[in-house]
Amino acid sequence: MNMKIIAGTVVAGMVLATGAVGAVAAQTATSPTALSEAQAIEIALKEVPGTVQETEFEREDGKEIFEIEIVTADGVEMEVEIDAASGTVLEIEQDDDHDDDDDYKKGDNKRAG
């Protein structure tokens, strides 16, 4: 009779272990990024102080990125793009839907155009 209990316990343990491994694999598969939205916002606000208006997560040029829209104290709308895997700031631009001439890359002292 002990053999049946032991065998049942072993089978139950294997099922639980397999389920736990599957749960971890599913969690990893659904975790799109190493960076959380809150971390991306923190990074963006260090670059452009202000009030966050909108946060988007998307794939651009094969990279997963966060786009954080911030309104500065002057009322200027800015957009900060952050690499979701590394936390690197990819681009900071003035958010102007009508004019792309205000774009500039982080580190540039001049505007594109």
PDB file of N, CA and C in Angstrom:
ATOM      1  N   MET A   1       0.822  -1.194   0.000  1.00  0.00           N
ATOM      2  CA  MET A   1       0.000   0.000   0.000  1.00  0.00           C
ATOM      3  C   MET A   1       0.865   1.257   0.000  1.00  0.00           C
ATOM      4  N   ASN A   2       2.008   1.237   0.631  1.00  0.00           N
ATOM      5  CA  ASN A   2       2.910   2.362   0.623  1.00  0.00           C
ATOM      6  C   ASN A   2       3.416   2.658  -0.779  1.00  0.00           C
ATOM      7  N   MET A   3       3.602   1.653  -1.589  1.00  0.00           N
ATOM      8  CA  MET A   3       4.080   1.843  -2.958  1.00  0.00           C
ATOM      9  C   MET A   3       3.108   2.684  -3.770  1.00  0.00           C
ATOM     10  N   LYS A   4       1.792   2.468  -3.579  1.00  0.00           N
ATOM     11  CA  LYS A   4       0.796   3.252  -4.311  1.00  0.00           C
ATOM     12  C   LYS A   4       0.854   4.716  -3.896  1.00  0.00           C
ATOM     13  N   ILE A   5       1.005   4.969  -2.610  1.00  0.00           N
ATOM     14  CA  ILE A   5       1.077   6.354  -2.124  1.00  0.00           C
ATOM     15  C   ILE A   5       2.327   7.031  -2.655  1.00  0.00           C
ATOM     16  N   ILE A   6       3.461   6.334  -2.598  1.00  0.00           N
ATOM     17  CA  ILE A   6       4.714   6.897  -3.093  1.00  0.00           C
ATOM     18  C   ILE A   6       4.617   7.168  -4.589  1.00  0.00           C
ATOM     19  N   ALA A   7       4.095   6.219  -5.325  1.00  0.00           N
ATOM     20  CA  ALA A   7       3.968   6.396  -6.771  1.00  0.00           C
ATOM     21  C   ALA A   7       3.049   7.570  -7.083  1.00  0.00           C
ATOM     22  N   GLY A   8       1.951   7.695  -6.367  1.00  0.00           N
ATOM     23  CA  GLY A   8       1.025   8.810  -6.578  1.00  0.00           C
ATOM     24  C   GLY A   8       1.674  10.142  -6.251  1.00  0.00           C
ATOM     25  N   THR A   9       2.465  10.174  -5.209  1.00  0.00           N
ATOM     26  CA  THR A   9       3.162  11.399  -4.814  1.00  0.00           C
ATOM     27  C   THR A   9       4.189  11.799  -5.869  1.00  0.00           C
ATOM     28  N   VAL A  10       4.907  10.829  -6.396  1.00  0.00           N
ATOM     29  CA  VAL A  10       5.907  11.112  -7.433  1.00  0.00           C
ATOM     30  C   VAL A  10       5.232  11.666  -8.682  1.00  0.00           C
ATOM     31  N   VAL A  11       4.137  11.044  -9.094  1.00  0.00           N
ATOM     32  CA  VAL A  11       3.420  11.525 -10.281  1.00  0.00           C
ATOM     33  C   VAL A  11       2.882  12.930 -10.040  1.00  0.00           C
ATOM     34  N   ALA A  12       2.297  13.175  -8.875  1.00  0.00           N
ATOM     35  CA  ALA A  12       1.768  14.501  -8.561  1.00  0.00           C
ATOM     36  C   ALA A  12       2.887  15.535  -8.550  1.00  0.00           C
ATOM     37  N   GLY A  13       4.032  15.171  -7.987  1.00  0.00           N
ATOM     38  CA  GLY A  13       5.178  16.080  -7.962  1.00  0.00           C
ATOM     39  C   GLY A  13       5.675  16.409  -9.355  1.00  0.00           C
ATOM     40  N   MET A  14       5.692  15.411 -10.238  1.00  0.00           N
ATOM     41  CA  MET A  14       6.126  15.641 -11.619  1.00  0.00           C
ATOM     42  C   MET A  14       5.169  16.564 -12.342  1.00  0.00           C
ATOM     43  N   VAL A  15       3.866  16.389 -12.117  1.00  0.00           N
ATOM     44  CA  VAL A  15       2.863  17.247 -12.753  1.00  0.00           C
ATOM     45  C   VAL A  15       3.025  18.682 -12.269  1.00  0.00           C
ATOM     46  N   LEU A  16       3.202  18.858 -10.965  1.00  0.00           N
ATOM     47  CA  LEU A  16       3.392  20.201 -10.417  1.00  0.00           C
ATOM     48  C   LEU A  16       4.663  20.839 -10.951  1.00  0.00           C
ATOM     49  N   ALA A  17       5.748  20.096 -11.004  1.00  0.00           N
ATOM     50  CA  ALA A  17       7.010  20.629 -11.503  1.00  0.00           C
ATOM     51  C   ALA A  17       6.887  21.028 -12.962  1.00  0.00           C
ATOM     52  N   THR A  18       6.240  20.203 -13.754  1.00  0.00           N
ATOM     53  CA  THR A  18       6.043  20.519 -15.167  1.00  0.00           C
ATOM     54  C   THR A  18       5.189  21.766 -15.315  1.00  0.00           C
ATOM     55  N   GLY A  19       4.155  21.878 -14.500  1.00  0.00           N
ATOM     56  CA  GLY A  19       3.298  23.065 -14.537  1.00  0.00           C
ATOM     57  C   GLY A  19       4.062  24.315 -14.159  1.00  0.00           C
ATOM     58  N   ALA A  20       4.940  24.221 -13.164  1.00  0.00           N
ATOM     59  CA  ALA A  20       5.728  25.380 -12.737  1.00  0.00           C
ATOM     60  C   ALA A  20       6.692  25.809 -13.836  1.00  0.00           C
ATOM     61  N   VAL A  21       7.325  24.851 -14.483  1.00  0.00           N
ATOM     62  CA  VAL A  21       8.230  25.175 -15.586  1.00  0.00           C
ATOM     63  C   VAL A  21       7.455  25.830 -16.718  1.00  0.00           C
ATOM     64  N   GLY A  22       6.288  25.313 -17.017  1.00  0.00           N
ATOM     65  CA  GLY A  22       5.451  25.904 -18.068  1.00  0.00           C
ATOM     66  C   GLY A  22       5.037  27.320 -17.721  1.00  0.00           C
ATOM     67  N   ALA A  23       4.735  27.577 -16.449  1.00  0.00           N
ATOM     68  CA  ALA A  23       4.339  28.916 -16.026  1.00  0.00           C
ATOM     69  C   ALA A  23       5.497  29.894 -16.170  1.00  0.00           C
ATOM     70  N   VAL A  24       6.700  29.460 -15.810  1.00  0.00           N
ATOM     71  CA  VAL A  24       7.865  30.321 -15.949  1.00  0.00           C
ATOM     72  C   VAL A  24       8.131  30.607 -17.423  1.00  0.00           C
ATOM     73  N   ALA A  25       8.042  29.583 -18.255  1.00  0.00           N
ATOM     74  CA  ALA A  25       8.256  29.770 -19.694  1.00  0.00           C
ATOM     75  C   ALA A  25       7.214  30.714 -20.273  1.00  0.00           C
ATOM     76  N   ALA A  26       5.970  30.586 -19.854  1.00  0.00           N
ATOM     77  CA  ALA A  26       4.911  31.463 -20.356  1.00  0.00           C
ATOM     78  C   ALA A  26       5.150  32.889 -19.901  1.00  0.00           C
ATOM     79  N   GLN A  27       5.595  33.057 -18.664  1.00  0.00           N
ATOM     80  CA  GLN A  27       5.857  34.396 -18.150  1.00  0.00           C
ATOM     81  C   GLN A  27       6.990  35.040 -18.934  1.00  0.00           C
ATOM     82  N   THR A  28       8.040  34.286 -19.218  1.00  0.00           N
ATOM     83  CA  THR A  28       9.163  34.800 -19.983  1.00  0.00           C
ATOM     84  C   THR A  28       8.739  35.157 -21.399  1.00  0.00           C
ATOM     85  N   ALA A  29       7.911  34.328 -21.998  1.00  0.00           N
ATOM     86  CA  ALA A  29       7.469  34.570 -23.368  1.00  0.00           C
ATOM     87  C   ALA A  29       6.591  35.809 -23.462  1.00  0.00           C
ATOM     88  N   THR A  30       5.835  36.110 -22.406  1.00  0.00           N
ATOM     89  CA  THR A  30       4.943  37.261 -22.469  1.00  0.00           C
ATOM     90  C   THR A  30       5.588  38.528 -21.930  1.00  0.00           C
ATOM     91  N   SER A  31       6.777  38.446 -21.342  1.00  0.00           N
ATOM     92  CA  SER A  31       7.483  39.626 -20.871  1.00  0.00           C
ATOM     93  C   SER A  31       8.239  40.224 -22.046  1.00  0.00           C
ATOM     94  N   PRO A  32       7.729  41.302 -22.639  1.00  0.00           N
ATOM     95  CA  PRO A  32       8.318  41.813 -23.869  1.00  0.00           C
ATOM     96  C   PRO A  32       9.622  42.575 -23.672  1.00  0.00           C
ATOM     97  N   THR A  33       9.910  42.984 -22.453  1.00  0.00           N
ATOM     98  CA  THR A  33      11.022  43.889 -22.276  1.00  0.00           C
ATOM     99  C   THR A  33      11.689  43.718 -20.928  1.00  0.00           C
ATOM    100  N   ALA A  34      12.923  44.138 -20.856  1.00  0.00           N
ATOM    101  CA  ALA A  34      13.635  44.117 -19.580  1.00  0.00           C
ATOM    102  C   ALA A  34      13.283  45.354 -18.759  1.00  0.00           C
ATOM    103  N   LEU A  35      12.767  46.372 -19.410  1.00  0.00           N
ATOM    104  CA  LEU A  35      12.471  47.657 -18.782  1.00  0.00           C
ATOM    105  C   LEU A  35      10.973  47.781 -18.547  1.00  0.00           C
ATOM    106  N   SER A  36      10.579  48.174 -17.351  1.00  0.00           N
ATOM    107  CA  SER A  36       9.157  48.384 -17.085  1.00  0.00           C
ATOM    108  C   SER A  36       8.751  49.775 -17.566  1.00  0.00           C
ATOM    109  N   GLU A  37       7.461  49.978 -17.689  1.00  0.00           N
ATOM    110  CA  GLU A  37       6.957  51.290 -18.094  1.00  0.00           C
ATOM    111  C   GLU A  37       7.367  52.350 -17.075  1.00  0.00           C
ATOM    112  N   ALA A  38       7.283  52.019 -15.798  1.00  0.00           N
ATOM    113  CA  ALA A  38       7.664  52.974 -14.748  1.00  0.00           C
ATOM    114  C   ALA A  38       9.141  53.359 -14.854  1.00  0.00           C
ATOM    115  N   GLN A  39      10.007  52.392 -15.163  1.00  0.00           N
ATOM    116  CA  GLN A  39      11.431  52.682 -15.331  1.00  0.00           C
ATOM    117  C   GLN A  39      11.661  53.571 -16.553  1.00  0.00           C
ATOM    118  N   ALA A  40      10.933  53.308 -17.630  1.00  0.00           N
ATOM    119  CA  ALA A  40      11.064  54.127 -18.837  1.00  0.00           C
ATOM    120  C   ALA A  40      10.640  55.569 -18.551  1.00  0.00           C
ATOM    121  N   ILE A  41       9.572  55.733 -17.803  1.00  0.00           N
ATOM    122  CA  ILE A  41       9.110  57.082 -17.449  1.00  0.00           C
ATOM    123  C   ILE A  41      10.160  57.802 -16.610  1.00  0.00           C
ATOM    124  N   GLU A  42      10.740  57.096 -15.664  1.00  0.00           N
ATOM    125  CA  GLU A  42      11.783  57.688 -14.809  1.00  0.00           C
ATOM    126  C   GLU A  42      12.962  58.177 -15.648  1.00  0.00           C
ATOM    127  N   ILE A  43      13.391  57.360 -16.603  1.00  0.00           N
ATOM    128  CA  ILE A  43      14.506  57.727 -17.488  1.00  0.00           C
ATOM    129  C   ILE A  43      14.126  58.950 -18.317  1.00  0.00           C
ATOM    130  N   ALA A  44      12.924  58.949 -18.883  1.00  0.00           N
ATOM    131  CA  ALA A  44      12.469  60.061 -19.725  1.00  0.00           C
ATOM    132  C   ALA A  44      12.417  61.370 -18.947  1.00  0.00           C
ATOM    133  N   LEU A  45      11.911  61.308 -17.717  1.00  0.00           N
ATOM    134  CA  LEU A  45      11.789  62.527 -16.906  1.00  0.00           C
ATOM    135  C   LEU A  45      13.144  63.079 -16.479  1.00  0.00           C
ATOM    136  N   LYS A  46      14.172  62.229 -16.421  1.00  0.00           N
ATOM    137  CA  LYS A  46      15.525  62.723 -16.145  1.00  0.00           C
ATOM    138  C   LYS A  46      16.043  63.532 -17.334  1.00  0.00           C
ATOM    139  N   GLU A  47      15.634  63.130 -18.533  1.00  0.00           N
ATOM    140  CA  GLU A  47      16.062  63.817 -19.755  1.00  0.00           C
ATOM    141  C   GLU A  47      15.239  65.078 -20.019  1.00  0.00           C
ATOM    142  N   VAL A  48      13.935  64.975 -19.786  1.00  0.00           N
ATOM    143  CA  VAL A  48      13.007  66.079 -20.065  1.00  0.00           C
ATOM    144  C   VAL A  48      12.066  66.207 -18.862  1.00  0.00           C
ATOM    145  N   PRO A  49      12.390  67.074 -17.918  1.00  0.00           N
ATOM    146  CA  PRO A  49      11.504  67.249 -16.772  1.00  0.00           C
ATOM    147  C   PRO A  49      10.153  67.823 -17.210  1.00  0.00           C
ATOM    148  N   GLY A  50       9.094  67.349 -16.588  1.00  0.00           N
ATOM    149  CA  GLY A  50       7.762  67.832 -16.921  1.00  0.00           C
ATOM    150  C   GLY A  50       6.708  66.861 -16.453  1.00  0.00           C
ATOM    151  N   THR A  51       5.569  66.898 -17.130  1.00  0.00           N
ATOM    152  CA  THR A  51       4.434  66.042 -16.795  1.00  0.00           C
ATOM    153  C   THR A  51       4.209  65.047 -17.923  1.00  0.00           C
ATOM    154  N   VAL A  52       4.177  63.766 -17.585  1.00  0.00           N
ATOM    155  CA  VAL A  52       3.958  62.723 -18.585  1.00  0.00           C
ATOM    156  C   VAL A  52       2.502  62.778 -19.040  1.00  0.00           C
ATOM    157  N   GLN A  53       2.304  62.858 -20.347  1.00  0.00           N
ATOM    158  CA  GLN A  53       0.971  62.905 -20.928  1.00  0.00           C
ATOM    159  C   GLN A  53       0.515  61.554 -21.455  1.00  0.00           C
ATOM    160  N   GLU A  54       1.477  60.804 -22.025  1.00  0.00           N
ATOM    161  CA  GLU A  54       1.132  59.524 -22.655  1.00  0.00           C
ATOM    162  C   GLU A  54       2.376  58.653 -22.740  1.00  0.00           C
ATOM    163  N   THR A  55       2.154  57.360 -22.620  1.00  0.00           N
ATOM    164  CA  THR A  55       3.234  56.385 -22.786  1.00  0.00           C
ATOM    165  C   THR A  55       2.763  55.328 -23.767  1.00  0.00           C
ATOM    166  N   GLU A  56       3.601  55.036 -24.771  1.00  0.00           N
ATOM    167  CA  GLU A  56       3.281  53.990 -25.744  1.00  0.00           C
ATOM    168  C   GLU A  56       4.429  53.001 -25.797  1.00  0.00           C
ATOM    169  N   PHE A  57       4.073  51.733 -25.986  1.00  0.00           N
ATOM    170  CA  PHE A  57       5.066  50.688 -26.186  1.00  0.00           C
ATOM    171  C   PHE A  57       4.860  50.160 -27.586  1.00  0.00           C
ATOM    172  N   GLU A  58       5.902  50.177 -28.409  1.00  0.00           N
ATOM    173  CA  GLU A  58       5.748  49.695 -29.785  1.00  0.00           C
ATOM    174  C   GLU A  58       7.068  49.167 -30.316  1.00  0.00           C
ATOM    175  N   ARG A  59       6.981  48.539 -31.474  1.00  0.00           N
ATOM    176  CA  ARG A  59       8.163  48.042 -32.175  1.00  0.00           C
ATOM    177  C   ARG A  59       8.450  49.009 -33.323  1.00  0.00           C
ATOM    178  N   GLU A  60       9.691  49.504 -33.352  1.00  0.00           N
ATOM    179  CA  GLU A  60      10.101  50.445 -34.385  1.00  0.00           C
ATOM    180  C   GLU A  60      11.484  50.053 -34.877  1.00  0.00           C
ATOM    181  N   ASP A  61      11.627  49.866 -36.165  1.00  0.00           N
ATOM    182  CA  ASP A  61      12.898  49.452 -36.767  1.00  0.00           C
ATOM    183  C   ASP A  61      13.462  48.195 -36.111  1.00  0.00           C
ATOM    184  N   GLY A  62      12.574  47.250 -35.778  1.00  0.00           N
ATOM    185  CA  GLY A  62      12.987  45.986 -35.191  1.00  0.00           C
ATOM    186  C   GLY A  62      13.291  46.035 -33.705  1.00  0.00           C
ATOM    187  N   LYS A  63      13.132  47.204 -33.076  1.00  0.00           N
ATOM    188  CA  LYS A  63      13.393  47.353 -31.650  1.00  0.00           C
ATOM    189  C   LYS A  63      12.084  47.621 -30.918  1.00  0.00           C
ATOM    190  N   GLU A  64      12.001  47.105 -29.695  1.00  0.00           N
ATOM    191  CA  GLU A  64      10.876  47.435 -28.840  1.00  0.00           C
ATOM    192  C   GLU A  64      11.238  48.712 -28.100  1.00  0.00           C
ATOM    193  N   ILE A  65      10.364  49.710 -28.193  1.00  0.00           N
ATOM    194  CA  ILE A  65      10.657  51.003 -27.574  1.00  0.00           C
ATOM    195  C   ILE A  65       9.460  51.525 -26.792  1.00  0.00           C
ATOM    196  N   PHE A  66       9.778  52.381 -25.841  1.00  0.00           N
ATOM    197  CA  PHE A  66       8.765  53.163 -25.166  1.00  0.00           C
ATOM    198  C   PHE A  66       8.838  54.568 -25.749  1.00  0.00           C
ATOM    199  N   GLU A  67       7.681  55.143 -26.054  1.00  0.00           N
ATOM    200  CA  GLU A  67       7.602  56.549 -26.431  1.00  0.00           C
ATOM    201  C   GLU A  67       6.873  57.259 -25.300  1.00  0.00           C
ATOM    202  N   ILE A  68       7.556  58.188 -24.668  1.00  0.00           N
ATOM    203  CA  ILE A  68       7.007  58.910 -23.532  1.00  0.00           C
ATOM    204  C   ILE A  68       6.780  60.359 -23.961  1.00  0.00           C
ATOM    205  N   GLU A  69       5.530  60.803 -23.915  1.00  0.00           N
ATOM    206  CA  GLU A  69       5.199  62.194 -24.244  1.00  0.00           C
ATOM    207  C   GLU A  69       5.146  62.986 -22.947  1.00  0.00           C
ATOM    208  N   ILE A  70       5.898  64.094 -22.927  1.00  0.00           N
ATOM    209  CA  ILE A  70       6.026  64.926 -21.735  1.00  0.00           C
ATOM    210  C   ILE A  70       5.735  66.372 -22.101  1.00  0.00           C
ATOM    211  N   VAL A  71       5.013  67.082 -21.230  1.00  0.00           N
ATOM    212  CA  VAL A  71       4.820  68.512 -21.383  1.00  0.00           C
ATOM    213  C   VAL A  71       5.727  69.193 -20.363  1.00  0.00           C
ATOM    214  N   THR A  72       6.618  70.070 -20.852  1.00  0.00           N
ATOM    215  CA  THR A  72       7.557  70.765 -19.977  1.00  0.00           C
ATOM    216  C   THR A  72       6.853  71.896 -19.237  1.00  0.00           C
ATOM    217  N   ALA A  73       7.568  72.501 -18.282  1.00  0.00           N
ATOM    218  CA  ALA A  73       7.020  73.624 -17.519  1.00  0.00           C
ATOM    219  C   ALA A  73       6.675  74.800 -18.437  1.00  0.00           C
ATOM    220  N   ASP A  74       7.359  74.898 -19.587  1.00  0.00           N
ATOM    221  CA  ASP A  74       7.092  75.967 -20.566  1.00  0.00           C
ATOM    222  C   ASP A  74       5.877  75.654 -21.433  1.00  0.00           C
ATOM    223  N   GLY A  75       5.314  74.448 -21.293  1.00  0.00           N
ATOM    224  CA  GLY A  75       4.176  74.056 -22.119  1.00  0.00           C
ATOM    225  C   GLY A  75       4.573  73.409 -23.434  1.00  0.00           C
ATOM    226  N   VAL A  76       5.862  73.101 -23.592  1.00  0.00           N
ATOM    227  CA  VAL A  76       6.347  72.474 -24.822  1.00  0.00           C
ATOM    228  C   VAL A  76       6.125  70.965 -24.719  1.00  0.00           C
ATOM    229  N   GLU A  77       5.562  70.378 -25.771  1.00  0.00           N
ATOM    230  CA  GLU A  77       5.348  68.936 -25.808  1.00  0.00           C
ATOM    231  C   GLU A  77       6.588  68.272 -26.401  1.00  0.00           C
ATOM    232  N   MET A  78       7.149  67.334 -25.635  1.00  0.00           N
ATOM    233  CA  MET A  78       8.340  66.614 -26.072  1.00  0.00           C
ATOM    234  C   MET A  78       8.048  65.124 -26.069  1.00  0.00           C
ATOM    235  N   GLU A  79       8.788  64.390 -26.907  1.00  0.00           N
ATOM    236  CA  GLU A  79       8.664  62.938 -26.951  1.00  0.00           C
ATOM    237  C   GLU A  79      10.048  62.342 -26.757  1.00  0.00           C
ATOM    238  N   VAL A  80      10.143  61.379 -25.832  1.00  0.00           N
ATOM    239  CA  VAL A  80      11.397  60.697 -25.556  1.00  0.00           C
ATOM    240  C   VAL A  80      11.220  59.235 -25.940  1.00  0.00           C
ATOM    241  N   GLU A  81      12.090  58.732 -26.833  1.00  0.00           N
ATOM    242  CA  GLU A  81      12.063  57.326 -27.233  1.00  0.00           C
ATOM    243  C   GLU A  81      13.163  56.593 -26.476  1.00  0.00           C
ATOM    244  N   ILE A  82      12.776  55.465 -25.844  1.00  0.00           N
ATOM    245  CA  ILE A  82      13.707  54.699 -25.027  1.00  0.00           C
ATOM    246  C   ILE A  82      13.705  53.250 -25.482  1.00  0.00           C
ATOM    247  N   ASP A  83      14.900  52.700 -25.676  1.00  0.00           N
ATOM    248  CA  ASP A  83      15.048  51.279 -26.019  1.00  0.00           C
ATOM    249  C   ASP A  83      14.569  50.460 -24.822  1.00  0.00           C
ATOM    250  N   ALA A  84      13.556  49.637 -25.038  1.00  0.00           N
ATOM    251  CA  ALA A  84      12.943  48.873 -23.952  1.00  0.00           C
ATOM    252  C   ALA A  84      13.847  47.774 -23.413  1.00  0.00           C
ATOM    253  N   ALA A  85      14.813  47.335 -24.193  1.00  0.00           N
ATOM    254  CA  ALA A  85      15.714  46.276 -23.742  1.00  0.00           C
ATOM    255  C   ALA A  85      16.854  46.817 -22.892  1.00  0.00           C
ATOM    256  N   SER A  86      17.374  47.985 -23.263  1.00  0.00           N
ATOM    257  CA  SER A  86      18.572  48.499 -22.600  1.00  0.00           C
ATOM    258  C   SER A  86      18.339  49.735 -21.736  1.00  0.00           C
ATOM    259  N   GLY A  87      17.242  50.462 -21.978  1.00  0.00           N
ATOM    260  CA  GLY A  87      16.995  51.701 -21.251  1.00  0.00           C
ATOM    261  C   GLY A  87      17.706  52.895 -21.862  1.00  0.00           C
ATOM    262  N   THR A  88      18.330  52.693 -23.022  1.00  0.00           N
ATOM    263  CA  THR A  88      19.040  53.771 -23.706  1.00  0.00           C
ATOM    264  C   THR A  88      18.052  54.745 -24.335  1.00  0.00           C
ATOM    265  N   VAL A  89      18.309  56.045 -24.153  1.00  0.00           N
ATOM    266  CA  VAL A  89      17.489  57.060 -24.801  1.00  0.00           C
ATOM    267  C   VAL A  89      17.911  57.113 -26.263  1.00  0.00           C
ATOM    268  N   LEU A  90      16.961  56.827 -27.145  1.00  0.00           N
ATOM    269  CA  LEU A  90      17.256  56.784 -28.575  1.00  0.00           C
ATOM    270  C   LEU A  90      17.063  58.137 -29.237  1.00  0.00           C
ATOM    271  N   GLU A  91      16.058  58.870 -28.799  1.00  0.00           N
ATOM    272  CA  GLU A  91      15.743  60.133 -29.453  1.00  0.00           C
ATOM    273  C   GLU A  91      14.908  60.995 -28.521  1.00  0.00           C
ATOM    274  N   ILE A  92      15.139  62.284 -28.604  1.00  0.00           N
ATOM    275  CA  ILE A  92      14.303  63.263 -27.927  1.00  0.00           C
ATOM    276  C   ILE A  92      13.882  64.251 -29.004  1.00  0.00           C
ATOM    277  N   GLU A  93      12.583  64.487 -29.087  1.00  0.00           N
ATOM    278  CA  GLU A  93      12.117  65.408 -30.115  1.00  0.00           C
ATOM    279  C   GLU A  93      10.950  66.228 -29.599  1.00  0.00           C
ATOM    280  N   GLN A  94      10.827  67.418 -30.167  1.00  0.00           N
ATOM    281  CA  GLN A  94       9.661  68.222 -29.861  1.00  0.00           C
ATOM    282  C   GLN A  94       8.491  67.584 -30.583  1.00  0.00           C
ATOM    283  N   ASP A  95       7.416  67.339 -29.863  1.00  0.00           N
ATOM    284  CA  ASP A  95       6.256  66.657 -30.417  1.00  0.00           C
ATOM    285  C   ASP A  95       5.390  67.667 -31.150  1.00  0.00           C
ATOM    286  N   ASP A  96       5.520  67.681 -32.464  1.00  0.00           N
ATOM    287  CA  ASP A  96       4.761  68.593 -33.305  1.00  0.00           C
ATOM    288  C   ASP A  96       4.221  67.776 -34.468  1.00  0.00           C
ATOM    289  N   ASP A  97       2.934  67.539 -34.476  1.00  0.00           N
ATOM    290  CA  ASP A  97       2.314  66.699 -35.491  1.00  0.00           C
ATOM    291  C   ASP A  97       2.379  67.294 -36.891  1.00  0.00           C
ATOM    292  N   HIS A  98       2.658  68.587 -36.998  1.00  0.00           N
ATOM    293  CA  HIS A  98       2.613  69.237 -38.309  1.00  0.00           C
ATOM    294  C   HIS A  98       3.986  69.501 -38.909  1.00  0.00           C
ATOM    295  N   ASP A  99       5.049  69.366 -38.104  1.00  0.00           N
ATOM    296  CA  ASP A  99       6.367  69.753 -38.586  1.00  0.00           C
ATOM    297  C   ASP A  99       7.423  68.814 -38.018  1.00  0.00           C
ATOM    298  N   ASP A 100       8.100  68.073 -38.883  1.00  0.00           N
ATOM    299  CA  ASP A 100       9.144  67.159 -38.443  1.00  0.00           C
ATOM    300  C   ASP A 100      10.507  67.833 -38.361  1.00  0.00           C
ATOM    301  N   ASP A 101      10.598  69.122 -38.646  1.00  0.00           N
ATOM    302  CA  ASP A 101      11.878  69.818 -38.612  1.00  0.00           C
ATOM    303  C   ASP A 101      12.393  70.035 -37.202  1.00  0.00           C
ATOM    304  N   ASP A 102      11.591  69.787 -36.202  1.00  0.00           N
ATOM    305  CA  ASP A 102      12.011  70.009 -34.819  1.00  0.00           C
ATOM    306  C   ASP A 102      12.709  68.791 -34.227  1.00  0.00           C
ATOM    307  N   ASP A 103      12.882  67.726 -35.015  1.00  0.00           N
ATOM    308  CA  ASP A 103      13.491  66.505 -34.512  1.00  0.00           C
ATOM    309  C   ASP A 103      14.984  66.707 -34.296  1.00  0.00           C
ATOM    310  N   TYR A 104      15.495  66.128 -33.234  1.00  0.00           N
ATOM    311  CA  TYR A 104      16.935  66.073 -33.042  1.00  0.00           C
ATOM    312  C   TYR A 104      17.269  64.841 -32.235  1.00  0.00           C
ATOM    313  N   LYS A 105      18.439  64.330 -32.459  1.00  0.00           N
ATOM    314  CA  LYS A 105      18.900  63.137 -31.760  1.00  0.00           C
ATOM    315  C   LYS A 105      19.537  63.554 -30.443  1.00  0.00           C
ATOM    316  N   LYS A 106      19.448  62.671 -29.455  1.00  0.00           N
ATOM    317  CA  LYS A 106      20.090  62.939 -28.175  1.00  0.00           C
ATOM    318  C   LYS A 106      21.570  63.170 -28.423  1.00  0.00           C
ATOM    319  N   GLY A 107      22.098  64.201 -27.811  1.00  0.00           N
ATOM    320  CA  GLY A 107      23.504  64.507 -27.976  1.00  0.00           C
ATOM    321  C   GLY A 107      23.765  65.542 -29.055  1.00  0.00           C
ATOM    322  N   ASP A 108      22.833  65.745 -29.959  1.00  0.00           N
ATOM    323  CA  ASP A 108      22.983  66.767 -30.986  1.00  0.00           C
ATOM    324  C   ASP A 108      22.678  68.135 -30.379  1.00  0.00           C
ATOM    325  N   ASN A 109      23.447  69.112 -30.743  1.00  0.00           N
ATOM    326  CA  ASN A 109      23.180  70.467 -30.282  1.00  0.00           C
ATOM    327  C   ASN A 109      22.414  71.275 -31.309  1.00  0.00           C
ATOM    328  N   LYS A 110      22.131  70.658 -32.436  1.00  0.00           N
ATOM    329  CA  LYS A 110      21.401  71.357 -33.488  1.00  0.00           C
ATOM    330  C   LYS A 110      20.192  70.534 -33.890  1.00  0.00           C
ATOM    331  N   ARG A 111      19.237  71.187 -34.411  1.00  0.00           N
ATOM    332  CA  ARG A 111      18.025  70.522 -34.869  1.00  0.00           C
ATOM    333  C   ARG A 111      18.227  70.056 -36.307  1.00  0.00           C
ATOM    334  N   ALA A 112      17.542  68.950 -36.642  1.00  0.00           N
ATOM    335  CA  ALA A 112      17.620  68.410 -38.009  1.00  0.00           C
ATOM    336  C   ALA A 112      16.814  69.292 -38.941  1.00  0.00           C
ATOM    337  N   GLY A 113      17.115  69.209 -40.210  1.00  0.00           N
ATOM    338  CA  GLY A 113      16.247  69.900 -41.144  1.00  0.00           C
ATOM    339  C   GLY A 113      16.905  70.558 -42.222  1.00  0.00           C
TER     340      GLY A 113
END
